[in-house]
Amino acid sequence: MKWFLPAAKDEEQASRIYQAIKDNLKDSDDRRISRITYHEPRAGKMHSAEVGKTLPLNGETVIAILHQRGGSLYYVCTANRGVVRGGAILVGEDEVSSFEDFDTE
C-alpha cells in the first residue's frame, strides 16, 4: 500500500505533518508503518491499529504509526494522542503479533 496521511490535502502537506510528528517524538526511526496487531496484556485482548482507520481504543482515526529508533516501542498516533496534543499510545514490541509497512516505492 502506498504511504499516506489521513486528511492531508497532498503529499507535501502529508510529509510536513509526518515530520512534525516525528520531531515531537524525537526518537522514532524512518519506517512508515501502515498497520500493527497487538495484544493488550491488561485487558487480555487483541487490537489492530491501521493508518486511516478508527482505533477502537479511543474512537479516533489513526494518523500515523511509528517505531522507536533502536528501541522496543511502537507509537500509535491519533489527533488527541500524539498529533495535536497528548502523548502517543505506546505499544511494546513484545506485544505486537504482526505489522505491515507501507510500500517503500
PDB file of N, CA and C in Angstrom:
ATOM      1  N   MET A   1       0.848  -1.170   0.000  1.00  0.00           N
ATOM      2  CA  MET A   1       0.000   0.000   0.000  1.00  0.00           C
ATOM      3  C   MET A   1       0.897   1.237   0.000  1.00  0.00           C
ATOM      4  N   LYS A   2       0.527   2.214  -0.784  1.00  0.00           N
ATOM      5  CA  LYS A   2       1.270   3.471  -0.867  1.00  0.00           C
ATOM      6  C   LYS A   2       1.048   4.290   0.404  1.00  0.00           C
ATOM      7  N   TRP A   3       2.129   4.935   0.873  1.00  0.00           N
ATOM      8  CA  TRP A   3       2.069   5.746   2.092  1.00  0.00           C
ATOM      9  C   TRP A   3       1.132   6.935   1.919  1.00  0.00           C
ATOM     10  N   PHE A   4       0.374   7.237   2.969  1.00  0.00           N
ATOM     11  CA  PHE A   4      -0.484   8.419   3.007  1.00  0.00           C
ATOM     12  C   PHE A   4      -0.667   8.844   4.454  1.00  0.00           C
ATOM     13  N   LEU A   5      -1.169  10.039   4.624  1.00  0.00           N
ATOM     14  CA  LEU A   5      -1.534  10.554   5.935  1.00  0.00           C
ATOM     15  C   LEU A   5      -2.983  11.008   5.836  1.00  0.00           C
ATOM     16  N   PRO A   6      -3.862  10.452   6.668  1.00  0.00           N
ATOM     17  CA  PRO A   6      -5.284  10.814   6.587  1.00  0.00           C
ATOM     18  C   PRO A   6      -5.487  12.331   6.687  1.00  0.00           C
ATOM     19  N   ALA A   7      -6.386  12.829   5.863  1.00  0.00           N
ATOM     20  CA  ALA A   7      -6.820  14.226   5.850  1.00  0.00           C
ATOM     21  C   ALA A   7      -5.798  15.204   5.264  1.00  0.00           C
ATOM     22  N   ALA A   8      -4.619  14.730   4.879  1.00  0.00           N
ATOM     23  CA  ALA A   8      -3.657  15.631   4.229  1.00  0.00           C
ATOM     24  C   ALA A   8      -4.141  15.907   2.809  1.00  0.00           C
ATOM     25  N   LYS A   9      -4.045  17.171   2.385  1.00  0.00           N
ATOM     26  CA  LYS A   9      -4.568  17.525   1.060  1.00  0.00           C
ATOM     27  C   LYS A   9      -3.653  17.097  -0.082  1.00  0.00           C
ATOM     28  N   ASP A  10      -2.353  16.930   0.214  1.00  0.00           N
ATOM     29  CA  ASP A  10      -1.422  16.454  -0.807  1.00  0.00           C
ATOM     30  C   ASP A  10      -0.202  15.842  -0.124  1.00  0.00           C
ATOM     31  N   GLU A  11       0.690  15.281  -0.936  1.00  0.00           N
ATOM     32  CA  GLU A  11       1.843  14.586  -0.374  1.00  0.00           C
ATOM     33  C   GLU A  11       2.793  15.539   0.353  1.00  0.00           C
ATOM     34  N   GLU A  12       2.899  16.776  -0.130  1.00  0.00           N
ATOM     35  CA  GLU A  12       3.768  17.759   0.533  1.00  0.00           C
ATOM     36  C   GLU A  12       3.268  18.054   1.951  1.00  0.00           C
ATOM     37  N   GLN A  13       1.979  18.288   2.098  1.00  0.00           N
ATOM     38  CA  GLN A  13       1.411  18.539   3.419  1.00  0.00           C
ATOM     39  C   GLN A  13       1.561  17.297   4.299  1.00  0.00           C
ATOM     40  N   ALA A  14       1.334  16.127   3.735  1.00  0.00           N
ATOM     41  CA  ALA A  14       1.477  14.887   4.497  1.00  0.00           C
ATOM     42  C   ALA A  14       2.902  14.737   5.022  1.00  0.00           C
ATOM     43  N   SER A  15       3.879  15.035   4.182  1.00  0.00           N
ATOM     44  CA  SER A  15       5.283  14.930   4.597  1.00  0.00           C
ATOM     45  C   SER A  15       5.621  15.911   5.709  1.00  0.00           C
ATOM     46  N   ARG A  16       5.108  17.138   5.613  1.00  0.00           N
ATOM     47  CA  ARG A  16       5.355  18.148   6.663  1.00  0.00           C
ATOM     48  C   ARG A  16       4.754  17.715   7.998  1.00  0.00           C
ATOM     49  N   ILE A  17       3.520  17.243   7.964  1.00  0.00           N
ATOM     50  CA  ILE A  17       2.846  16.816   9.203  1.00  0.00           C
ATOM     51  C   ILE A  17       3.558  15.600   9.799  1.00  0.00           C
ATOM     52  N   TYR A  18       3.907  14.646   8.936  1.00  0.00           N
ATOM     53  CA  TYR A  18       4.591  13.442   9.404  1.00  0.00           C
ATOM     54  C   TYR A  18       5.919  13.810  10.067  1.00  0.00           C
ATOM     55  N   GLN A  19       6.666  14.731   9.456  1.00  0.00           N
ATOM     56  CA  GLN A  19       7.935  15.153  10.037  1.00  0.00           C
ATOM     57  C   GLN A  19       7.710  15.851  11.385  1.00  0.00           C
ATOM     58  N   ALA A  20       6.653  16.632  11.508  1.00  0.00           N
ATOM     59  CA  ALA A  20       6.346  17.284  12.786  1.00  0.00           C
ATOM     60  C   ALA A  20       6.030  16.251  13.865  1.00  0.00           C
ATOM     61  N   ILE A  21       5.307  15.207  13.497  1.00  0.00           N
ATOM     62  CA  ILE A  21       5.014  14.132  14.461  1.00  0.00           C
ATOM     63  C   ILE A  21       6.324  13.472  14.886  1.00  0.00           C
ATOM     64  N   LYS A  22       7.191  13.151  13.918  1.00  0.00           N
ATOM     65  CA  LYS A  22       8.487  12.539  14.228  1.00  0.00           C
ATOM     66  C   LYS A  22       9.335  13.448  15.124  1.00  0.00           C
ATOM     67  N   ASP A  23       9.350  14.740  14.816  1.00  0.00           N
ATOM     68  CA  ASP A  23      10.130  15.688  15.620  1.00  0.00           C
ATOM     69  C   ASP A  23       9.604  15.751  17.048  1.00  0.00           C
ATOM     70  N   ASN A  24       8.295  15.667  17.206  1.00  0.00           N
ATOM     71  CA  ASN A  24       7.691  15.690  18.531  1.00  0.00           C
ATOM     72  C   ASN A  24       8.084  14.452  19.336  1.00  0.00           C
ATOM     73  N   LEU A  25       8.149  13.308  18.685  1.00  0.00           N
ATOM     74  CA  LEU A  25       8.520  12.070  19.382  1.00  0.00           C
ATOM     75  C   LEU A  25      10.015  12.005  19.660  1.00  0.00           C
ATOM     76  N   LYS A  26      10.813  12.634  18.835  1.00  0.00           N
ATOM     77  CA  LYS A  26      12.266  12.782  18.985  1.00  0.00           C
ATOM     78  C   LYS A  26      13.084  11.505  18.787  1.00  0.00           C
ATOM     79  N   ASP A  27      12.505  10.334  18.918  1.00  0.00           N
ATOM     80  CA  ASP A  27      13.328   9.127  18.827  1.00  0.00           C
ATOM     81  C   ASP A  27      12.729   8.056  17.918  1.00  0.00           C
ATOM     82  N   SER A  28      11.974   8.463  16.912  1.00  0.00           N
ATOM     83  CA  SER A  28      11.396   7.469  16.011  1.00  0.00           C
ATOM     84  C   SER A  28      12.319   7.230  14.820  1.00  0.00           C
ATOM     85  N   ASP A  29      12.259   6.027  14.282  1.00  0.00           N
ATOM     86  CA  ASP A  29      13.079   5.709  13.120  1.00  0.00           C
ATOM     87  C   ASP A  29      12.359   6.122  11.836  1.00  0.00           C
ATOM     88  N   ASP A  30      12.871   5.716  10.696  1.00  0.00           N
ATOM     89  CA  ASP A  30      12.323   6.172   9.414  1.00  0.00           C
ATOM     90  C   ASP A  30      11.292   5.231   8.800  1.00  0.00           C
ATOM     91  N   ARG A  31      10.938   4.171   9.505  1.00  0.00           N
ATOM     92  CA  ARG A  31       9.930   3.251   8.964  1.00  0.00           C
ATOM     93  C   ARG A  31       8.589   3.963   8.841  1.00  0.00           C
ATOM     94  N   ARG A  32       7.844   3.593   7.821  1.00  0.00           N
ATOM     95  CA  ARG A  32       6.478   4.094   7.654  1.00  0.00           C
ATOM     96  C   ARG A  32       5.561   2.879   7.756  1.00  0.00           C
ATOM     97  N   ILE A  33       4.922   2.754   8.895  1.00  0.00           N
ATOM     98  CA  ILE A  33       4.148   1.565   9.244  1.00  0.00           C
ATOM     99  C   ILE A  33       2.675   1.808   8.939  1.00  0.00           C
ATOM    100  N   SER A  34       2.052   0.867   8.280  1.00  0.00           N
ATOM    101  CA  SER A  34       0.637   1.030   7.942  1.00  0.00           C
ATOM    102  C   SER A  34      -0.288   0.357   8.941  1.00  0.00           C
ATOM    103  N   ARG A  35       0.181  -0.745   9.587  1.00  0.00           N
ATOM    104  CA  ARG A  35      -0.716  -1.482  10.472  1.00  0.00           C
ATOM    105  C   ARG A  35       0.079  -2.299  11.481  1.00  0.00           C
ATOM    106  N   ILE A  36      -0.466  -2.396  12.707  1.00  0.00           N
ATOM    107  CA  ILE A  36       0.054  -3.345  13.690  1.00  0.00           C
ATOM    108  C   ILE A  36      -1.130  -4.050  14.354  1.00  0.00           C
ATOM    109  N   THR A  37      -0.900  -5.293  14.717  1.00  0.00           N
ATOM    110  CA  THR A  37      -1.860  -6.045  15.534  1.00  0.00           C
ATOM    111  C   THR A  37      -1.121  -6.376  16.816  1.00  0.00           C
ATOM    112  N   TYR A  38      -1.761  -6.117  17.952  1.00  0.00           N
ATOM    113  CA  TYR A  38      -1.066  -6.294  19.219  1.00  0.00           C
ATOM    114  C   TYR A  38      -2.001  -6.794  20.313  1.00  0.00           C
ATOM    115  N   HIS A  39      -1.396  -7.386  21.319  1.00  0.00           N
ATOM    116  CA  HIS A  39      -2.106  -7.920  22.471  1.00  0.00           C
ATOM    117  C   HIS A  39      -1.952  -6.939  23.627  1.00  0.00           C
ATOM    118  N   GLU A  40      -3.068  -6.548  24.206  1.00  0.00           N
ATOM    119  CA  GLU A  40      -3.022  -5.663  25.378  1.00  0.00           C
ATOM    120  C   GLU A  40      -3.109  -6.545  26.622  1.00  0.00           C
ATOM    121  N   PRO A  41      -1.992  -6.700  27.337  1.00  0.00           N
ATOM    122  CA  PRO A  41      -1.963  -7.629  28.473  1.00  0.00           C
ATOM    123  C   PRO A  41      -2.977  -7.318  29.574  1.00  0.00           C
ATOM    124  N   ARG A  42      -3.158  -6.040  29.879  1.00  0.00           N
ATOM    125  CA  ARG A  42      -4.075  -5.685  30.980  1.00  0.00           C
ATOM    126  C   ARG A  42      -5.510  -6.100  30.684  1.00  0.00           C
ATOM    127  N   ALA A  43      -5.931  -5.937  29.432  1.00  0.00           N
ATOM    128  CA  ALA A  43      -7.303  -6.276  29.063  1.00  0.00           C
ATOM    129  C   ALA A  43      -7.408  -7.687  28.497  1.00  0.00           C
ATOM    130  N   GLY A  44      -6.265  -8.279  28.155  1.00  0.00           N
ATOM    131  CA  GLY A  44      -6.268  -9.614  27.584  1.00  0.00           C
ATOM    132  C   GLY A  44      -6.907  -9.675  26.207  1.00  0.00           C
ATOM    133  N   LYS A  45      -6.835  -8.578  25.453  1.00  0.00           N
ATOM    134  CA  LYS A  45      -7.481  -8.507  24.141  1.00  0.00           C
ATOM    135  C   LYS A  45      -6.468  -8.219  23.046  1.00  0.00           C
ATOM    136  N   MET A  46      -6.831  -8.645  21.836  1.00  0.00           N
ATOM    137  CA  MET A  46      -6.063  -8.292  20.651  1.00  0.00           C
ATOM    138  C   MET A  46      -6.648  -7.007  20.074  1.00  0.00           C
ATOM    139  N   HIS A  47      -5.777  -6.133  19.607  1.00  0.00           N
ATOM    140  CA  HIS A  47      -6.188  -4.878  18.987  1.00  0.00           C
ATOM    141  C   HIS A  47      -5.478  -4.742  17.655  1.00  0.00           C
ATOM    142  N   SER A  48      -6.071  -3.973  16.767  1.00  0.00           N
ATOM    143  CA  SER A  48      -5.443  -3.657  15.500  1.00  0.00           C
ATOM    144  C   SER A  48      -5.466  -2.144  15.332  1.00  0.00           C
ATOM    145  N   ALA A  49      -4.342  -1.599  14.910  1.00  0.00           N
ATOM    146  CA  ALA A  49      -4.252  -0.169  14.616  1.00  0.00           C
ATOM    147  C   ALA A  49      -3.791  -0.057  13.173  1.00  0.00           C
ATOM    148  N   GLU A  50      -4.568   0.662  12.356  1.00  0.00           N
ATOM    149  CA  GLU A  50      -4.232   0.825  10.948  1.00  0.00           C
ATOM    150  C   GLU A  50      -4.416   2.281  10.550  1.00  0.00           C
ATOM    151  N   VAL A  51      -3.410   2.831   9.878  1.00  0.00           N
ATOM    152  CA  VAL A  51      -3.475   4.225   9.440  1.00  0.00           C
ATOM    153  C   VAL A  51      -4.714   4.425   8.569  1.00  0.00           C
ATOM    154  N   GLY A  52      -5.487   5.460   8.923  1.00  0.00           N
ATOM    155  CA  GLY A  52      -6.701   5.796   8.183  1.00  0.00           C
ATOM    156  C   GLY A  52      -7.953   5.140   8.729  1.00  0.00           C
ATOM    157  N   LYS A  53      -7.797   4.203   9.671  1.00  0.00           N
ATOM    158  CA  LYS A  53      -8.950   3.503  10.258  1.00  0.00           C
ATOM    159  C   LYS A  53      -9.170   3.987  11.690  1.00  0.00           C
ATOM    160  N   THR A  54     -10.380   3.759  12.180  1.00  0.00           N
ATOM    161  CA  THR A  54     -10.720   4.138  13.558  1.00  0.00           C
ATOM    162  C   THR A  54     -10.078   3.168  14.530  1.00  0.00           C
ATOM    163  N   LEU A  55      -9.469   3.707  15.562  1.00  0.00           N
ATOM    164  CA  LEU A  55      -8.877   2.907  16.628  1.00  0.00           C
ATOM    165  C   LEU A  55      -9.951   2.665  17.680  1.00  0.00           C
ATOM    166  N   PRO A  56     -10.391   1.423  17.875  1.00  0.00           N
ATOM    167  CA  PRO A  56     -11.459   1.147  18.840  1.00  0.00           C
ATOM    168  C   PRO A  56     -11.140   1.632  20.261  1.00  0.00           C
ATOM    169  N   LEU A  57      -9.876   1.660  20.609  1.00  0.00           N
ATOM    170  CA  LEU A  57      -9.457   2.064  21.952  1.00  0.00           C
ATOM    171  C   LEU A  57      -9.965   3.454  22.335  1.00  0.00           C
ATOM    172  N   ASN A  58      -9.931   4.410  21.367  1.00  0.00           N
ATOM    173  CA  ASN A  58     -10.382   5.766  21.696  1.00  0.00           C
ATOM    174  C   ASN A  58     -11.339   6.358  20.655  1.00  0.00           C
ATOM    175  N   GLY A  59     -11.689   5.586  19.639  1.00  0.00           N
ATOM    176  CA  GLY A  59     -12.650   6.052  18.640  1.00  0.00           C
ATOM    177  C   GLY A  59     -12.118   7.102  17.680  1.00  0.00           C
ATOM    178  N   GLU A  60     -10.806   7.276  17.624  1.00  0.00           N
ATOM    179  CA  GLU A  60     -10.202   8.276  16.741  1.00  0.00           C
ATOM    180  C   GLU A  60      -9.510   7.591  15.558  1.00  0.00           C
ATOM    181  N   THR A  61      -9.315   8.350  14.493  1.00  0.00           N
ATOM    182  CA  THR A  61      -8.614   7.851  13.322  1.00  0.00           C
ATOM    183  C   THR A  61      -7.120   7.779  13.602  1.00  0.00           C
ATOM    184  N   VAL A  62      -6.506   6.677  13.220  1.00  0.00           N
ATOM    185  CA  VAL A  62      -5.054   6.540  13.347  1.00  0.00           C
ATOM    186  C   VAL A  62      -4.409   7.385  12.246  1.00  0.00           C
ATOM    187  N   ILE A  63      -3.591   8.348  12.646  1.00  0.00           N
ATOM    188  CA  ILE A  63      -2.920   9.256  11.717  1.00  0.00           C
ATOM    189  C   ILE A  63      -1.575   8.669  11.285  1.00  0.00           C
ATOM    190  N   ALA A  64      -0.851   8.090  12.222  1.00  0.00           N
ATOM    191  CA  ALA A  64       0.471   7.529  11.916  1.00  0.00           C
ATOM    192  C   ALA A  64       0.835   6.480  12.957  1.00  0.00           C
ATOM    193  N   ILE A  65       1.679   5.539  12.538  1.00  0.00           N
ATOM    194  CA  ILE A  65       2.262   4.557  13.452  1.00  0.00           C
ATOM    195  C   ILE A  65       3.763   4.618  13.225  1.00  0.00           C
ATOM    196  N   LEU A  66       4.494   4.878  14.283  1.00  0.00           N
ATOM    197  CA  LEU A  66       5.944   4.988  14.183  1.00  0.00           C
ATOM    198  C   LEU A  66       6.599   3.985  15.113  1.00  0.00           C
ATOM    199  N   HIS A  67       7.898   3.769  14.898  1.00  0.00           N
ATOM    200  CA  HIS A  67       8.661   2.831  15.717  1.00  0.00           C
ATOM    201  C   HIS A  67       9.835   3.568  16.349  1.00  0.00           C
ATOM    202  N   GLN A  68      10.137   3.224  17.580  1.00  0.00           N
ATOM    203  CA  GLN A  68      11.229   3.852  18.315  1.00  0.00           C
ATOM    204  C   GLN A  68      12.572   3.462  17.701  1.00  0.00           C
ATOM    205  N   ARG A  69      13.411   4.445  17.452  1.00  0.00           N
ATOM    206  CA  ARG A  69      14.742   4.210  16.899  1.00  0.00           C
ATOM    207  C   ARG A  69      15.576   3.414  17.906  1.00  0.00           C
ATOM    208  N   GLY A  70      16.035   2.240  17.491  1.00  0.00           N
ATOM    209  CA  GLY A  70      16.885   1.423  18.351  1.00  0.00           C
ATOM    210  C   GLY A  70      16.192   0.924  19.602  1.00  0.00           C
ATOM    211  N   GLY A  71      14.873   1.014  19.645  1.00  0.00           N
ATOM    212  CA  GLY A  71      14.157   0.644  20.856  1.00  0.00           C
ATOM    213  C   GLY A  71      13.132  -0.438  20.639  1.00  0.00           C
ATOM    214  N   SER A  72      12.201  -0.496  21.559  1.00  0.00           N
ATOM    215  CA  SER A  72      11.222  -1.579  21.535  1.00  0.00           C
ATOM    216  C   SER A  72       9.788  -1.082  21.684  1.00  0.00           C
ATOM    217  N   LEU A  73       9.515   0.131  21.185  1.00  0.00           N
ATOM    218  CA  LEU A  73       8.168   0.681  21.270  1.00  0.00           C
ATOM    219  C   LEU A  73       7.631   1.065  19.902  1.00  0.00           C
ATOM    220  N   TYR A  74       6.326   0.901  19.759  1.00  0.00           N
ATOM    221  CA  TYR A  74       5.590   1.465  18.627  1.00  0.00           C
ATOM    222  C   TYR A  74       4.777   2.627  19.171  1.00  0.00           C
ATOM    223  N   TYR A  75       4.637   3.678  18.382  1.00  0.00           N
ATOM    224  CA  TYR A  75       3.836   4.843  18.746  1.00  0.00           C
ATOM    225  C   TYR A  75       2.622   4.893  17.819  1.00  0.00           C
ATOM    226  N   VAL A  76       1.440   4.729  18.377  1.00  0.00           N
ATOM    227  CA  VAL A  76       0.210   4.844  17.605  1.00  0.00           C
ATOM    228  C   VAL A  76      -0.306   6.261  17.838  1.00  0.00           C
ATOM    229  N   CYS A  77      -0.411   7.038  16.757  1.00  0.00           N
ATOM    230  CA  CYS A  77      -0.750   8.453  16.872  1.00  0.00           C
ATOM    231  C   CYS A  77      -2.130   8.749  16.287  1.00  0.00           C
ATOM    232  N   THR A  78      -2.961   9.378  17.104  1.00  0.00           N
ATOM    233  CA  THR A  78      -4.254   9.904  16.682  1.00  0.00           C
ATOM    234  C   THR A  78      -4.212  11.401  16.958  1.00  0.00           C
ATOM    235  N   ALA A  79      -5.235  12.122  16.568  1.00  0.00           N
ATOM    236  CA  ALA A  79      -5.226  13.580  16.772  1.00  0.00           C
ATOM    237  C   ALA A  79      -4.959  13.950  18.230  1.00  0.00           C
ATOM    238  N   ASN A  80      -5.653  13.309  19.150  1.00  0.00           N
ATOM    239  CA  ASN A  80      -5.515  13.656  20.565  1.00  0.00           C
ATOM    240  C   ASN A  80      -4.482  12.821  21.301  1.00  0.00           C
ATOM    241  N   ARG A  81      -3.832  11.911  20.601  1.00  0.00           N
ATOM    242  CA  ARG A  81      -2.792  11.092  21.204  1.00  0.00           C
ATOM    243  C   ARG A  81      -1.567  11.095  20.298  1.00  0.00           C
ATOM    244  N   GLY A  82      -0.824  12.207  20.331  1.00  0.00           N
ATOM    245  CA  GLY A  82       0.443  12.248  19.628  1.00  0.00           C
ATOM    246  C   GLY A  82       0.548  13.178  18.438  1.00  0.00           C
ATOM    247  N   VAL A  83      -0.588  13.706  17.948  1.00  0.00           N
ATOM    248  CA  VAL A  83      -0.503  14.604  16.795  1.00  0.00           C
ATOM    249  C   VAL A  83      -0.773  16.038  17.223  1.00  0.00           C
ATOM    250  N   VAL A  84      -1.987  16.355  17.618  1.00  0.00           N
ATOM    251  CA  VAL A  84      -2.330  17.722  18.011  1.00  0.00           C
ATOM    252  C   VAL A  84      -1.983  17.969  19.480  1.00  0.00           C
ATOM    253  N   ARG A  85      -2.224  16.981  20.314  1.00  0.00           N
ATOM    254  CA  ARG A  85      -1.936  17.111  21.754  1.00  0.00           C
ATOM    255  C   ARG A  85      -1.754  15.729  22.355  1.00  0.00           C
ATOM    256  N   GLY A  86      -1.280  15.700  23.560  1.00  0.00           N
ATOM    257  CA  GLY A  86      -1.118  14.439  24.279  1.00  0.00           C
ATOM    258  C   GLY A  86       0.001  13.578  23.729  1.00  0.00           C
ATOM    259  N   GLY A  87       0.287  12.525  24.463  1.00  0.00           N
ATOM    260  CA  GLY A  87       1.321  11.590  24.050  1.00  0.00           C
ATOM    261  C   GLY A  87       0.734  10.467  23.216  1.00  0.00           C
ATOM    262  N   ALA A  88       1.545   9.906  22.363  1.00  0.00           N
ATOM    263  CA  ALA A  88       1.125   8.783  21.524  1.00  0.00           C
ATOM    264  C   ALA A  88       0.768   7.587  22.398  1.00  0.00           C
ATOM    265  N   ILE A  89      -0.029   6.688  21.847  1.00  0.00           N
ATOM    266  CA  ILE A  89      -0.342   5.426  22.515  1.00  0.00           C
ATOM    267  C   ILE A  89       0.880   4.534  22.339  1.00  0.00           C
ATOM    268  N   LEU A  90       1.429   4.050  23.442  1.00  0.00           N
ATOM    269  CA  LEU A  90       2.643   3.244  23.406  1.00  0.00           C
ATOM    270  C   LEU A  90       2.292   1.762  23.372  1.00  0.00           C
ATOM    271  N   VAL A  91       2.917   1.052  22.456  1.00  0.00           N
ATOM    272  CA  VAL A  91       2.726  -0.391  22.340  1.00  0.00           C
ATOM    273  C   VAL A  91       4.105  -1.031  22.337  1.00  0.00           C
ATOM    274  N   GLY A  92       4.331  -1.937  23.270  1.00  0.00           N
ATOM    275  CA  GLY A  92       5.614  -2.629  23.344  1.00  0.00           C
ATOM    276  C   GLY A  92       5.806  -3.578  22.182  1.00  0.00           C
ATOM    277  N   GLU A  93       7.030  -3.646  21.693  1.00  0.00           N
ATOM    278  CA  GLU A  93       7.336  -4.523  20.569  1.00  0.00           C
ATOM    279  C   GLU A  93       6.980  -5.982  20.875  1.00  0.00           C
ATOM    280  N   ASP A  94       7.136  -6.382  22.130  1.00  0.00           N
ATOM    281  CA  ASP A  94       6.814  -7.757  22.515  1.00  0.00           C
ATOM    282  C   ASP A  94       5.308  -8.027  22.532  1.00  0.00           C
ATOM    283  N   GLU A  95       4.487  -6.995  22.458  1.00  0.00           N
ATOM    284  CA  GLU A  95       3.031  -7.157  22.412  1.00  0.00           C
ATOM    285  C   GLU A  95       2.518  -7.266  20.975  1.00  0.00           C
ATOM    286  N   VAL A  96       3.358  -6.899  20.004  1.00  0.00           N
ATOM    287  CA  VAL A  96       2.948  -6.871  18.596  1.00  0.00           C
ATOM    288  C   VAL A  96       3.079  -8.264  17.987  1.00  0.00           C
ATOM    289  N   SER A  97       1.959  -8.752  17.447  1.00  0.00           N
ATOM    290  CA  SER A  97       1.980 -10.070  16.807  1.00  0.00           C
ATOM    291  C   SER A  97       2.206  -9.977  15.301  1.00  0.00           C
ATOM    292  N   SER A  98       1.846  -8.847  14.695  1.00  0.00           N
ATOM    293  CA  SER A  98       2.110  -8.655  13.273  1.00  0.00           C
ATOM    294  C   SER A  98       2.144  -7.161  12.958  1.00  0.00           C
ATOM    295  N   PHE A  99       2.826  -6.847  11.871  1.00  0.00           N
ATOM    296  CA  PHE A  99       2.902  -5.462  11.417  1.00  0.00           C
ATOM    297  C   PHE A  99       3.019  -5.454   9.909  1.00  0.00           C
ATOM    298  N   GLU A 100       2.715  -4.313   9.327  1.00  0.00           N
ATOM    299  CA  GLU A 100       2.865  -4.139   7.879  1.00  0.00           C
ATOM    300  C   GLU A 100       3.351  -2.726   7.628  1.00  0.00           C
ATOM    301  N   ASP A 101       4.426  -2.609   6.871  1.00  0.00           N
ATOM    302  CA  ASP A 101       4.946  -1.302   6.494  1.00  0.00           C
ATOM    303  C   ASP A 101       4.307  -0.873   5.183  1.00  0.00           C
ATOM    304  N   PHE A 102       4.261   0.438   4.954  1.00  0.00           N
ATOM    305  CA  PHE A 102       3.837   0.944   3.660  1.00  0.00           C
ATOM    306  C   PHE A 102       4.895   0.553   2.629  1.00  0.00           C
ATOM    307  N   ASP A 103       4.499   0.512   1.352  1.00  0.00           N
ATOM    308  CA  ASP A 103       5.454   0.254   0.282  1.00  0.00           C
ATOM    309  C   ASP A 103       6.539   1.328   0.316  1.00  0.00           C
ATOM    310  N   THR A 104       7.744   0.939  -0.008  1.00  0.00           N
ATOM    311  CA  THR A 104       8.862   1.892   0.032  1.00  0.00           C
ATOM    312  C   THR A 104       9.034   2.648  -1.274  1.00  0.00           C
ATOM    313  N   GLU A 105       8.304   2.288  -2.306  1.00  0.00           N
ATOM    314  CA  GLU A 105       8.442   2.960  -3.596  1.00  0.00           C
ATOM    315  C   GLU A 105       7.442   4.066  -3.738  1.00  0.00           C
TER     316      GLU A 105
END
